[in-house]
Amino acid sequence: MTPDEVDDQFAARFAEQFAEIWRTPDLAKHEAAWSDDIVLIQPMMGTLRGKQACRASFQRLFALVPDLHADVHRVGHGAREVFIEFTLSGTYGGKPIAWDVVDRFTFTNGLIAERVSYFDSTPLIGKLVGRPAGWERLVRMGSQLFRR
């Protein structure tokens, strides 16, 4: 199966959908945009294959930062992919936390087939371990959060 072709209209519609999905940490909204055999590749969580693995990963992420949301800054596209630059932010350990991300998406039948997320995880890890108020949540999640 070949990836869907992308044009300006598709990229703009997807960026709007992405922004709406990330307005609140609602796992059902995320899942509705995924193909059944989705592949997510991202720092700290490694490569995830299929809806079940992705669902479990997002549940851990939302357990860690329950009010996690995204603010979209820029959108671009190639012939078969959409790139979105955004900031993820929320509250962890009683304080605001945020990190900048660029994601590359490919699609099959209009659904996300693959998402590759690019961000520097080093400052994020520093914030997570540097806030004792969040340690209990972090320890509960243990090695499940940080997979390679």
N, C-alpha and C. Protein backbone atom coordinates (compact mmCIF):
# COMPACT_ATOMS: atom_id res chain seq x y z
N MET A 1 0.85 -1.18 0.00
CA MET A 1 0.00 0.00 0.00
C MET A 1 0.89 1.24 0.00
N THR A 2 0.62 2.16 -0.88
CA THR A 2 1.43 3.38 -0.96
C THR A 2 0.80 4.49 -0.14
N PRO A 3 1.63 5.39 0.38
CA PRO A 3 1.09 6.51 1.16
C PRO A 3 0.23 7.43 0.29
N ASP A 4 -0.71 8.09 0.94
CA ASP A 4 -1.54 9.07 0.25
C ASP A 4 -0.67 10.24 -0.22
N GLU A 5 -1.05 10.81 -1.35
CA GLU A 5 -0.40 12.05 -1.78
C GLU A 5 -0.96 13.20 -0.97
N VAL A 6 -0.14 14.22 -0.79
CA VAL A 6 -0.49 15.37 0.04
C VAL A 6 -0.42 16.64 -0.81
N ASP A 7 -1.43 17.50 -0.66
CA ASP A 7 -1.41 18.81 -1.32
C ASP A 7 -1.68 19.87 -0.26
N ASP A 8 -1.72 21.14 -0.67
CA ASP A 8 -1.92 22.25 0.27
C ASP A 8 -3.21 22.09 1.07
N GLN A 9 -4.28 21.69 0.40
CA GLN A 9 -5.58 21.55 1.08
C GLN A 9 -5.53 20.45 2.13
N PHE A 10 -4.98 19.31 1.74
CA PHE A 10 -4.89 18.19 2.69
C PHE A 10 -4.06 18.59 3.90
N ALA A 11 -2.89 19.23 3.67
CA ALA A 11 -2.02 19.63 4.77
C ALA A 11 -2.73 20.61 5.69
N ALA A 12 -3.44 21.57 5.14
CA ALA A 12 -4.16 22.56 5.96
C ALA A 12 -5.26 21.90 6.79
N ARG A 13 -6.03 21.01 6.16
CA ARG A 13 -7.09 20.30 6.89
C ARG A 13 -6.52 19.44 8.00
N PHE A 14 -5.42 18.74 7.69
CA PHE A 14 -4.82 17.89 8.71
C PHE A 14 -4.28 18.73 9.86
N ALA A 15 -3.66 19.85 9.58
CA ALA A 15 -3.13 20.72 10.64
C ALA A 15 -4.26 21.20 11.56
N GLU A 16 -5.40 21.54 10.98
CA GLU A 16 -6.56 21.94 11.79
C GLU A 16 -7.04 20.78 12.65
N GLN A 17 -7.11 19.60 12.05
CA GLN A 17 -7.52 18.40 12.79
C GLN A 17 -6.53 18.11 13.93
N PHE A 18 -5.24 18.19 13.63
CA PHE A 18 -4.20 17.96 14.62
C PHE A 18 -4.36 18.93 15.79
N ALA A 19 -4.54 20.21 15.49
CA ALA A 19 -4.71 21.21 16.54
C ALA A 19 -5.93 20.89 17.40
N GLU A 20 -7.02 20.49 16.77
CA GLU A 20 -8.24 20.14 17.52
C GLU A 20 -8.01 18.89 18.39
N ILE A 21 -7.35 17.88 17.83
CA ILE A 21 -7.07 16.65 18.58
C ILE A 21 -6.28 16.97 19.84
N TRP A 22 -5.30 17.86 19.74
CA TRP A 22 -4.40 18.16 20.85
C TRP A 22 -4.88 19.29 21.75
N ARG A 23 -6.09 19.82 21.51
CA ARG A 23 -6.59 20.89 22.39
C ARG A 23 -6.74 20.39 23.82
N THR A 24 -7.13 19.14 23.96
CA THR A 24 -7.27 18.50 25.27
C THR A 24 -6.72 17.08 25.16
N PRO A 25 -6.29 16.49 26.27
CA PRO A 25 -5.72 15.14 26.23
C PRO A 25 -6.82 14.07 26.13
N ASP A 26 -7.43 13.95 24.97
CA ASP A 26 -8.53 13.02 24.74
C ASP A 26 -8.03 11.89 23.82
N LEU A 27 -7.79 10.73 24.41
CA LEU A 27 -7.22 9.61 23.67
C LEU A 27 -8.10 9.17 22.51
N ALA A 28 -9.41 9.24 22.66
CA ALA A 28 -10.32 8.83 21.59
C ALA A 28 -10.12 9.67 20.33
N LYS A 29 -9.85 10.96 20.50
CA LYS A 29 -9.59 11.83 19.34
C LYS A 29 -8.33 11.40 18.61
N HIS A 30 -7.30 11.06 19.36
CA HIS A 30 -6.06 10.60 18.74
C HIS A 30 -6.29 9.31 17.96
N GLU A 31 -6.92 8.34 18.61
CA GLU A 31 -7.15 7.04 17.98
C GLU A 31 -7.96 7.14 16.70
N ALA A 32 -8.89 8.06 16.65
CA ALA A 32 -9.74 8.20 15.47
C ALA A 32 -8.93 8.62 14.24
N ALA A 33 -7.77 9.22 14.43
CA ALA A 33 -6.93 9.68 13.32
C ALA A 33 -5.89 8.64 12.90
N TRP A 34 -5.77 7.53 13.65
CA TRP A 34 -4.74 6.52 13.39
C TRP A 34 -5.24 5.42 12.47
N SER A 35 -4.37 4.95 11.58
CA SER A 35 -4.67 3.73 10.84
C SER A 35 -4.47 2.56 11.81
N ASP A 36 -5.03 1.40 11.48
CA ASP A 36 -4.92 0.24 12.37
C ASP A 36 -3.48 -0.19 12.59
N ASP A 37 -2.65 -0.05 11.57
CA ASP A 37 -1.25 -0.48 11.68
C ASP A 37 -0.29 0.69 11.81
N ILE A 38 -0.73 1.74 12.47
CA ILE A 38 0.08 2.95 12.66
C ILE A 38 1.44 2.61 13.27
N VAL A 39 2.43 3.39 12.89
CA VAL A 39 3.77 3.31 13.48
C VAL A 39 4.11 4.69 14.03
N LEU A 40 4.45 4.76 15.31
CA LEU A 40 4.89 6.01 15.94
C LEU A 40 6.33 5.83 16.36
N ILE A 41 7.17 6.77 15.96
CA ILE A 41 8.59 6.75 16.31
C ILE A 41 8.89 8.07 17.00
N GLN A 42 9.41 7.96 18.25
CA GLN A 42 9.64 9.19 19.00
C GLN A 42 10.70 8.97 20.07
N PRO A 43 11.40 10.05 20.44
CA PRO A 43 12.37 9.94 21.53
C PRO A 43 11.68 9.48 22.81
N MET A 44 12.41 8.78 23.63
CA MET A 44 11.99 8.32 24.94
C MET A 44 11.02 7.13 24.88
N MET A 45 10.22 7.02 23.84
CA MET A 45 9.25 5.92 23.77
C MET A 45 9.54 4.94 22.65
N GLY A 46 10.56 5.21 21.87
CA GLY A 46 10.97 4.26 20.83
C GLY A 46 9.98 4.16 19.69
N THR A 47 9.92 2.98 19.08
CA THR A 47 9.03 2.71 17.96
C THR A 47 7.84 1.90 18.46
N LEU A 48 6.67 2.41 18.19
CA LEU A 48 5.42 1.75 18.58
C LEU A 48 4.68 1.33 17.33
N ARG A 49 4.14 0.12 17.34
CA ARG A 49 3.44 -0.40 16.17
C ARG A 49 2.04 -0.85 16.55
N GLY A 50 1.05 -0.30 15.86
CA GLY A 50 -0.35 -0.69 16.07
C GLY A 50 -1.04 0.18 17.10
N LYS A 51 -2.36 0.19 16.99
CA LYS A 51 -3.16 1.05 17.87
C LYS A 51 -3.01 0.71 19.35
N GLN A 52 -2.91 -0.58 19.66
CA GLN A 52 -2.83 -0.97 21.07
C GLN A 52 -1.56 -0.43 21.73
N ALA A 53 -0.43 -0.57 21.06
CA ALA A 53 0.83 -0.06 21.62
C ALA A 53 0.80 1.46 21.73
N CYS A 54 0.24 2.12 20.73
CA CYS A 54 0.16 3.58 20.75
C CYS A 54 -0.79 4.06 21.83
N ARG A 55 -1.91 3.38 21.98
CA ARG A 55 -2.87 3.74 23.02
C ARG A 55 -2.21 3.66 24.40
N ALA A 56 -1.50 2.56 24.67
CA ALA A 56 -0.85 2.38 25.97
C ALA A 56 0.18 3.48 26.22
N SER A 57 0.93 3.84 25.20
CA SER A 57 1.95 4.88 25.34
C SER A 57 1.30 6.24 25.64
N PHE A 58 0.25 6.57 24.92
CA PHE A 58 -0.43 7.84 25.15
C PHE A 58 -1.10 7.85 26.52
N GLN A 59 -1.61 6.73 26.99
CA GLN A 59 -2.20 6.68 28.33
C GLN A 59 -1.15 7.00 29.38
N ARG A 60 0.07 6.47 29.21
CA ARG A 60 1.15 6.77 30.16
C ARG A 60 1.53 8.25 30.10
N LEU A 61 1.61 8.78 28.88
CA LEU A 61 1.95 10.20 28.72
C LEU A 61 0.91 11.09 29.38
N PHE A 62 -0.37 10.80 29.16
CA PHE A 62 -1.43 11.61 29.76
C PHE A 62 -1.54 11.40 31.27
N ALA A 63 -1.10 10.24 31.76
CA ALA A 63 -1.06 10.03 33.21
C ALA A 63 0.04 10.89 33.84
N LEU A 64 1.11 11.08 33.10
CA LEU A 64 2.23 11.87 33.59
C LEU A 64 1.94 13.37 33.54
N VAL A 65 1.31 13.81 32.45
CA VAL A 65 0.97 15.24 32.25
C VAL A 65 -0.51 15.29 31.86
N PRO A 66 -1.41 15.25 32.85
CA PRO A 66 -2.85 15.11 32.57
C PRO A 66 -3.47 16.23 31.73
N ASP A 67 -2.89 17.41 31.77
CA ASP A 67 -3.45 18.53 31.01
C ASP A 67 -2.64 18.82 29.75
N LEU A 68 -1.94 17.83 29.23
CA LEU A 68 -1.07 18.01 28.08
C LEU A 68 -1.87 18.48 26.86
N HIS A 69 -1.34 19.49 26.20
CA HIS A 69 -1.97 20.01 24.98
C HIS A 69 -0.90 20.57 24.06
N ALA A 70 -1.27 20.84 22.82
CA ALA A 70 -0.31 21.32 21.83
C ALA A 70 -0.77 22.64 21.24
N ASP A 71 0.22 23.47 20.94
CA ASP A 71 0.00 24.72 20.21
C ASP A 71 0.77 24.61 18.91
N VAL A 72 0.05 24.66 17.80
CA VAL A 72 0.67 24.52 16.47
C VAL A 72 1.26 25.86 16.04
N HIS A 73 2.49 25.82 15.53
CA HIS A 73 3.17 27.03 15.07
C HIS A 73 3.27 27.10 13.55
N ARG A 74 3.67 26.00 12.92
CA ARG A 74 3.87 25.99 11.46
C ARG A 74 3.51 24.64 10.90
N VAL A 75 3.13 24.67 9.61
CA VAL A 75 2.78 23.45 8.89
C VAL A 75 3.45 23.51 7.52
N GLY A 76 3.96 22.40 7.08
CA GLY A 76 4.54 22.28 5.75
C GLY A 76 4.24 20.90 5.21
N HIS A 77 4.52 20.68 3.94
CA HIS A 77 4.29 19.35 3.40
C HIS A 77 5.18 19.07 2.22
N GLY A 78 5.37 17.79 1.96
CA GLY A 78 6.03 17.31 0.77
C GLY A 78 4.99 16.61 -0.08
N ALA A 79 5.42 15.76 -0.97
CA ALA A 79 4.49 15.06 -1.87
C ALA A 79 3.63 14.04 -1.12
N ARG A 80 4.17 13.44 -0.06
CA ARG A 80 3.47 12.38 0.66
C ARG A 80 3.52 12.53 2.19
N GLU A 81 3.94 13.69 2.67
CA GLU A 81 4.04 13.87 4.11
C GLU A 81 3.66 15.29 4.52
N VAL A 82 3.24 15.39 5.78
CA VAL A 82 2.94 16.68 6.40
C VAL A 82 3.88 16.83 7.59
N PHE A 83 4.42 18.04 7.75
CA PHE A 83 5.28 18.38 8.88
C PHE A 83 4.55 19.41 9.72
N ILE A 84 4.52 19.20 11.03
CA ILE A 84 3.89 20.16 11.94
C ILE A 84 4.88 20.50 13.04
N GLU A 85 5.13 21.80 13.22
CA GLU A 85 5.96 22.29 14.31
C GLU A 85 5.01 22.79 15.39
N PHE A 86 5.23 22.34 16.63
CA PHE A 86 4.32 22.69 17.71
C PHE A 86 5.02 22.62 19.05
N THR A 87 4.34 23.11 20.08
CA THR A 87 4.83 23.02 21.45
C THR A 87 3.84 22.20 22.26
N LEU A 88 4.33 21.18 22.93
CA LEU A 88 3.52 20.42 23.89
C LEU A 88 3.72 21.07 25.25
N SER A 89 2.64 21.26 25.99
CA SER A 89 2.77 21.85 27.31
C SER A 89 1.67 21.36 28.23
N GLY A 90 1.94 21.47 29.51
CA GLY A 90 1.00 21.06 30.54
C GLY A 90 1.62 21.30 31.89
N THR A 91 1.17 20.53 32.88
CA THR A 91 1.64 20.67 34.25
C THR A 91 2.22 19.35 34.72
N TYR A 92 3.42 19.42 35.26
CA TYR A 92 4.07 18.24 35.82
C TYR A 92 4.77 18.67 37.11
N GLY A 93 4.56 17.90 38.16
CA GLY A 93 5.20 18.24 39.43
C GLY A 93 4.78 19.59 39.96
N GLY A 94 3.56 20.01 39.64
CA GLY A 94 3.03 21.27 40.14
C GLY A 94 3.51 22.51 39.42
N LYS A 95 4.28 22.33 38.32
CA LYS A 95 4.79 23.47 37.57
C LYS A 95 4.56 23.24 36.08
N PRO A 96 4.54 24.34 35.33
CA PRO A 96 4.41 24.19 33.88
C PRO A 96 5.62 23.45 33.28
N ILE A 97 5.32 22.68 32.24
CA ILE A 97 6.37 21.99 31.49
C ILE A 97 6.03 22.14 30.01
N ALA A 98 7.04 22.31 29.19
CA ALA A 98 6.78 22.48 27.75
C ALA A 98 8.01 22.03 26.97
N TRP A 99 7.78 21.54 25.76
CA TRP A 99 8.88 21.21 24.86
C TRP A 99 8.41 21.37 23.42
N ASP A 100 9.36 21.76 22.58
CA ASP A 100 9.08 21.99 21.16
C ASP A 100 9.31 20.71 20.38
N VAL A 101 8.44 20.50 19.37
CA VAL A 101 8.44 19.26 18.61
C VAL A 101 8.19 19.56 17.14
N VAL A 102 8.74 18.75 16.28
CA VAL A 102 8.36 18.71 14.87
C VAL A 102 8.00 17.26 14.57
N ASP A 103 6.82 17.05 14.03
CA ASP A 103 6.38 15.71 13.64
C ASP A 103 6.25 15.61 12.13
N ARG A 104 6.62 14.46 11.61
CA ARG A 104 6.42 14.15 10.19
C ARG A 104 5.39 13.03 10.10
N PHE A 105 4.33 13.28 9.32
CA PHE A 105 3.24 12.32 9.18
C PHE A 105 3.14 11.81 7.75
N THR A 106 2.86 10.52 7.60
CA THR A 106 2.42 9.97 6.32
C THR A 106 1.06 9.34 6.56
N PHE A 107 0.31 9.14 5.49
CA PHE A 107 -1.10 8.76 5.61
C PHE A 107 -1.44 7.61 4.66
N THR A 108 -2.40 6.83 5.08
CA THR A 108 -3.01 5.81 4.24
C THR A 108 -4.51 5.96 4.38
N ASN A 109 -5.19 6.14 3.27
CA ASN A 109 -6.64 6.35 3.28
C ASN A 109 -7.05 7.49 4.21
N GLY A 110 -6.24 8.54 4.25
CA GLY A 110 -6.56 9.72 5.05
C GLY A 110 -6.26 9.59 6.53
N LEU A 111 -5.78 8.43 6.98
CA LEU A 111 -5.45 8.22 8.39
C LEU A 111 -3.94 8.21 8.56
N ILE A 112 -3.48 8.52 9.76
CA ILE A 112 -2.04 8.54 10.02
C ILE A 112 -1.49 7.12 9.96
N ALA A 113 -0.57 6.89 9.02
CA ALA A 113 0.09 5.60 8.90
C ALA A 113 1.39 5.57 9.69
N GLU A 114 2.07 6.73 9.69
CA GLU A 114 3.33 6.83 10.42
C GLU A 114 3.50 8.26 10.93
N ARG A 115 4.00 8.34 12.16
CA ARG A 115 4.36 9.64 12.73
C ARG A 115 5.76 9.51 13.30
N VAL A 116 6.65 10.35 12.83
CA VAL A 116 8.00 10.40 13.38
C VAL A 116 8.11 11.75 14.09
N SER A 117 8.43 11.69 15.37
CA SER A 117 8.48 12.89 16.20
C SER A 117 9.94 13.24 16.48
N TYR A 118 10.26 14.54 16.30
CA TYR A 118 11.63 15.01 16.50
C TYR A 118 11.64 16.05 17.61
N PHE A 119 12.37 15.76 18.69
CA PHE A 119 12.61 16.74 19.73
C PHE A 119 13.80 16.30 20.57
N ASP A 120 14.43 17.25 21.23
CA ASP A 120 15.56 16.96 22.11
C ASP A 120 15.00 16.54 23.46
N SER A 121 15.16 15.27 23.80
CA SER A 121 14.59 14.76 25.04
C SER A 121 15.43 15.09 26.28
N THR A 122 16.67 15.50 26.11
CA THR A 122 17.55 15.75 27.26
C THR A 122 16.98 16.81 28.21
N PRO A 123 16.59 18.01 27.73
CA PRO A 123 16.02 18.99 28.67
C PRO A 123 14.71 18.50 29.30
N LEU A 124 13.92 17.75 28.54
CA LEU A 124 12.66 17.23 29.08
C LEU A 124 12.94 16.24 30.21
N ILE A 125 13.86 15.33 30.01
CA ILE A 125 14.20 14.37 31.07
C ILE A 125 14.70 15.12 32.30
N GLY A 126 15.50 16.16 32.08
CA GLY A 126 15.99 16.96 33.20
C GLY A 126 14.85 17.57 34.00
N LYS A 127 13.84 18.07 33.31
CA LYS A 127 12.69 18.65 34.00
C LYS A 127 11.91 17.58 34.76
N LEU A 128 11.74 16.41 34.14
CA LEU A 128 10.98 15.34 34.79
C LEU A 128 11.66 14.88 36.08
N VAL A 129 12.96 14.63 36.02
CA VAL A 129 13.65 14.12 37.21
C VAL A 129 14.01 15.24 38.19
N GLY A 130 13.97 16.48 37.75
CA GLY A 130 14.32 17.61 38.60
C GLY A 130 13.17 18.17 39.42
N ARG A 131 12.01 17.52 39.33
CA ARG A 131 10.84 18.00 40.08
C ARG A 131 10.35 16.92 41.04
N PRO A 132 10.81 16.97 42.27
CA PRO A 132 10.42 15.93 43.24
C PRO A 132 8.92 15.76 43.39
N ALA A 133 8.15 16.82 43.19
CA ALA A 133 6.69 16.71 43.33
C ALA A 133 6.09 15.77 42.28
N GLY A 134 6.79 15.52 41.19
CA GLY A 134 6.28 14.62 40.17
C GLY A 134 6.85 13.23 40.23
N TRP A 135 7.77 12.98 41.14
CA TRP A 135 8.47 11.70 41.19
C TRP A 135 7.53 10.52 41.41
N GLU A 136 6.53 10.68 42.27
CA GLU A 136 5.62 9.56 42.55
C GLU A 136 4.98 9.08 41.25
N ARG A 137 4.49 10.01 40.46
CA ARG A 137 3.87 9.68 39.18
C ARG A 137 4.89 9.03 38.24
N LEU A 138 6.07 9.58 38.22
CA LEU A 138 7.14 9.08 37.35
C LEU A 138 7.56 7.66 37.75
N VAL A 139 7.68 7.43 39.06
CA VAL A 139 8.06 6.10 39.56
C VAL A 139 6.97 5.09 39.25
N ARG A 140 5.71 5.48 39.41
CA ARG A 140 4.60 4.56 39.09
C ARG A 140 4.67 4.09 37.65
N MET A 141 5.08 4.98 36.78
CA MET A 141 5.17 4.64 35.36
C MET A 141 6.46 3.89 35.07
N GLY A 142 7.48 4.15 35.87
CA GLY A 142 8.74 3.44 35.77
C GLY A 142 9.30 3.37 34.37
N SER A 143 9.86 2.25 34.03
CA SER A 143 10.51 2.07 32.73
C SER A 143 9.52 2.03 31.59
N GLN A 144 8.24 1.95 31.87
CA GLN A 144 7.24 1.95 30.79
C GLN A 144 7.27 3.24 29.99
N LEU A 145 7.64 4.35 30.62
CA LEU A 145 7.66 5.63 29.91
C LEU A 145 8.85 5.71 28.96
N PHE A 146 10.01 5.32 29.45
CA PHE A 146 11.23 5.49 28.69
C PHE A 146 11.61 4.19 27.98
N ARG A 147 11.18 4.06 26.77
CA ARG A 147 11.51 2.87 25.97
C ARG A 147 12.33 3.30 24.79
N ARG A 148 13.21 2.45 24.37
CA ARG A 148 14.03 2.74 23.19
C ARG A 148 13.88 1.62 22.20
